[in-house]
Amino acid sequence: EVDLFVGGKGHRSIFQSACGVLRSVVPSLEELADDVDTVTFTGHSLGGGVATYLTLLFLELLELEEGSEPQAGSAPE
């Protein structure tokens, strides 16, 4: 169990997997930042859990870098 930044508790191994995926994809996402306006993380079963944590981590990263407050599940404008 791990304490999450959003105030809940989560599965430590799934959360750590999401952290690893994020570290792996950030360079590609930074390279594509000017060309895309939507990023979707998806998975099935355990991968769905990883995708959920990955989304939360990614949104937190955007808030830290841009000072914005993106919302999970919000439609692009």
C-alpha atoms as a PDB file:
ATOM      1  CA  GLU A   1       0.000   0.000   0.000  1.00  0.00           C
ATOM      2  CA  VAL A   2       1.264   3.468  -0.857  1.00  0.00           C
ATOM      3  CA  ASP A   3      -0.109   6.884   0.146  1.00  0.00           C
ATOM      4  CA  LEU A   4      -1.093   8.749  -2.995  1.00  0.00           C
ATOM      5  CA  PHE A   5      -0.753  12.469  -3.586  1.00  0.00           C
ATOM      6  CA  VAL A   6      -4.514  12.649  -4.186  1.00  0.00           C
ATOM      7  CA  GLY A   7      -5.262  11.559  -0.622  1.00  0.00           C
ATOM      8  CA  GLY A   8      -5.999   7.878  -1.185  1.00  0.00           C
ATOM      9  CA  LYS A   9      -4.136   4.627  -0.889  1.00  0.00           C
ATOM     10  CA  GLY A  10      -2.938   2.466  -3.733  1.00  0.00           C
ATOM     11  CA  HIS A  11      -1.172  -0.765  -4.620  1.00  0.00           C
ATOM     12  CA  ARG A  12       2.576  -0.138  -4.341  1.00  0.00           C
ATOM     13  CA  SER A  13       3.729  -2.407  -7.205  1.00  0.00           C
ATOM     14  CA  ILE A  14       1.176  -1.070  -9.678  1.00  0.00           C
ATOM     15  CA  PHE A  15       2.080   2.486  -8.686  1.00  0.00           C
ATOM     16  CA  GLN A  16       5.801   1.734  -9.104  1.00  0.00           C
ATOM     17  CA  SER A  17       5.088   0.239 -12.540  1.00  0.00           C
ATOM     18  CA  ALA A  18       3.300   3.432 -13.543  1.00  0.00           C
ATOM     19  CA  CYS A  19       6.286   5.481 -12.366  1.00  0.00           C
ATOM     20  CA  GLY A  20       8.570   3.337 -14.520  1.00  0.00           C
ATOM     21  CA  VAL A  21       6.357   3.704 -17.570  1.00  0.00           C
ATOM     22  CA  LEU A  22       6.194   7.466 -17.090  1.00  0.00           C
ATOM     23  CA  ARG A  23       9.991   7.707 -16.884  1.00  0.00           C
ATOM     24  CA  SER A  24      10.169   5.730 -20.124  1.00  0.00           C
ATOM     25  CA  VAL A  25       7.644   7.767 -22.111  1.00  0.00           C
ATOM     26  CA  VAL A  26       8.374  11.318 -20.910  1.00  0.00           C
ATOM     27  CA  PRO A  27      11.162  11.907 -23.479  1.00  0.00           C
ATOM     28  CA  SER A  28       8.829  10.911 -26.328  1.00  0.00           C
ATOM     29  CA  LEU A  29       5.963  12.973 -24.918  1.00  0.00           C
ATOM     30  CA  GLU A  30       8.226  16.016 -24.609  1.00  0.00           C
ATOM     31  CA  GLU A  31       9.337  15.559 -28.210  1.00  0.00           C
ATOM     32  CA  LEU A  32       5.719  15.357 -29.404  1.00  0.00           C
ATOM     33  CA  ALA A  33       4.365  18.119 -27.146  1.00  0.00           C
ATOM     34  CA  ASP A  34       3.946  20.669 -29.956  1.00  0.00           C
ATOM     35  CA  ASP A  35       2.218  18.174 -32.253  1.00  0.00           C
ATOM     36  CA  VAL A  36      -0.429  16.591 -29.989  1.00  0.00           C
ATOM     37  CA  ASP A  37      -3.068  17.996 -27.674  1.00  0.00           C
ATOM     38  CA  THR A  38      -4.394  14.727 -26.212  1.00  0.00           C
ATOM     39  CA  VAL A  39      -2.619  11.841 -24.513  1.00  0.00           C
ATOM     40  CA  THR A  40      -4.492   8.657 -23.599  1.00  0.00           C
ATOM     41  CA  PHE A  41      -3.160   5.908 -21.351  1.00  0.00           C
ATOM     42  CA  THR A  42      -5.010   2.614 -21.504  1.00  0.00           C
ATOM     43  CA  GLY A  43      -4.651  -0.932 -20.263  1.00  0.00           C
ATOM     44  CA  HIS A  44      -6.555  -4.095 -19.414  1.00  0.00           C
ATOM     45  CA  SER A  45      -6.738  -5.727 -15.986  1.00  0.00           C
ATOM     46  CA  LEU A  46      -3.492  -4.901 -14.137  1.00  0.00           C
ATOM     47  CA  GLY A  47      -2.533  -2.664 -17.041  1.00  0.00           C
ATOM     48  CA  GLY A  48      -5.726  -0.713 -16.400  1.00  0.00           C
ATOM     49  CA  GLY A  49      -4.499  -0.025 -12.883  1.00  0.00           C
ATOM     50  CA  VAL A  50      -1.126   1.072 -14.239  1.00  0.00           C
ATOM     51  CA  ALA A  51      -2.870   3.315 -16.795  1.00  0.00           C
ATOM     52  CA  THR A  52      -4.977   4.925 -14.060  1.00  0.00           C
ATOM     53  CA  TYR A  53      -1.950   5.734 -11.916  1.00  0.00           C
ATOM     54  CA  LEU A  54      -0.048   6.821 -15.014  1.00  0.00           C
ATOM     55  CA  THR A  55      -2.799   9.299 -15.854  1.00  0.00           C
ATOM     56  CA  LEU A  56      -2.723  10.742 -12.329  1.00  0.00           C
ATOM     57  CA  LEU A  57       1.073  11.027 -12.407  1.00  0.00           C
ATOM     58  CA  PHE A  58       1.020  12.632 -15.846  1.00  0.00           C
ATOM     59  CA  LEU A  59      -1.567  15.205 -14.766  1.00  0.00           C
ATOM     60  CA  GLU A  60       0.485  15.973 -11.669  1.00  0.00           C
ATOM     61  CA  LEU A  61       3.579  16.415 -13.854  1.00  0.00           C
ATOM     62  CA  LEU A  62       1.707  18.850 -16.101  1.00  0.00           C
ATOM     63  CA  GLU A  63       0.577  20.859 -13.086  1.00  0.00           C
ATOM     64  CA  LEU A  64       4.146  21.096 -11.797  1.00  0.00           C
ATOM     65  CA  GLU A  65       5.617  22.056 -15.166  1.00  0.00           C
ATOM     66  CA  GLU A  66       2.943  24.451 -16.400  1.00  0.00           C
ATOM     67  CA  GLY A  67       1.281  25.689 -13.236  1.00  0.00           C
ATOM     68  CA  SER A  68      -2.028  24.585 -14.775  1.00  0.00           C
ATOM     69  CA  GLU A  69      -4.719  22.396 -13.288  1.00  0.00           C
ATOM     70  CA  PRO A  70      -5.648  19.746 -15.867  1.00  0.00           C
ATOM     71  CA  GLN A  71      -8.593  17.503 -15.042  1.00  0.00           C
ATOM     72  CA  ALA A  72      -8.658  13.744 -15.569  1.00  0.00           C
ATOM     73  CA  GLY A  73     -11.174  12.803 -18.233  1.00  0.00           C
ATOM     74  CA  SER A  74     -11.696  16.341 -19.497  1.00  0.00           C
ATOM     75  CA  ALA A  75     -12.267  16.801 -23.200  1.00  0.00           C
ATOM     76  CA  PRO A  76      -9.707  18.801 -25.176  1.00  0.00           C
ATOM     77  CA  GLU A  77     -10.755  22.347 -25.984  1.00  0.00           C
END
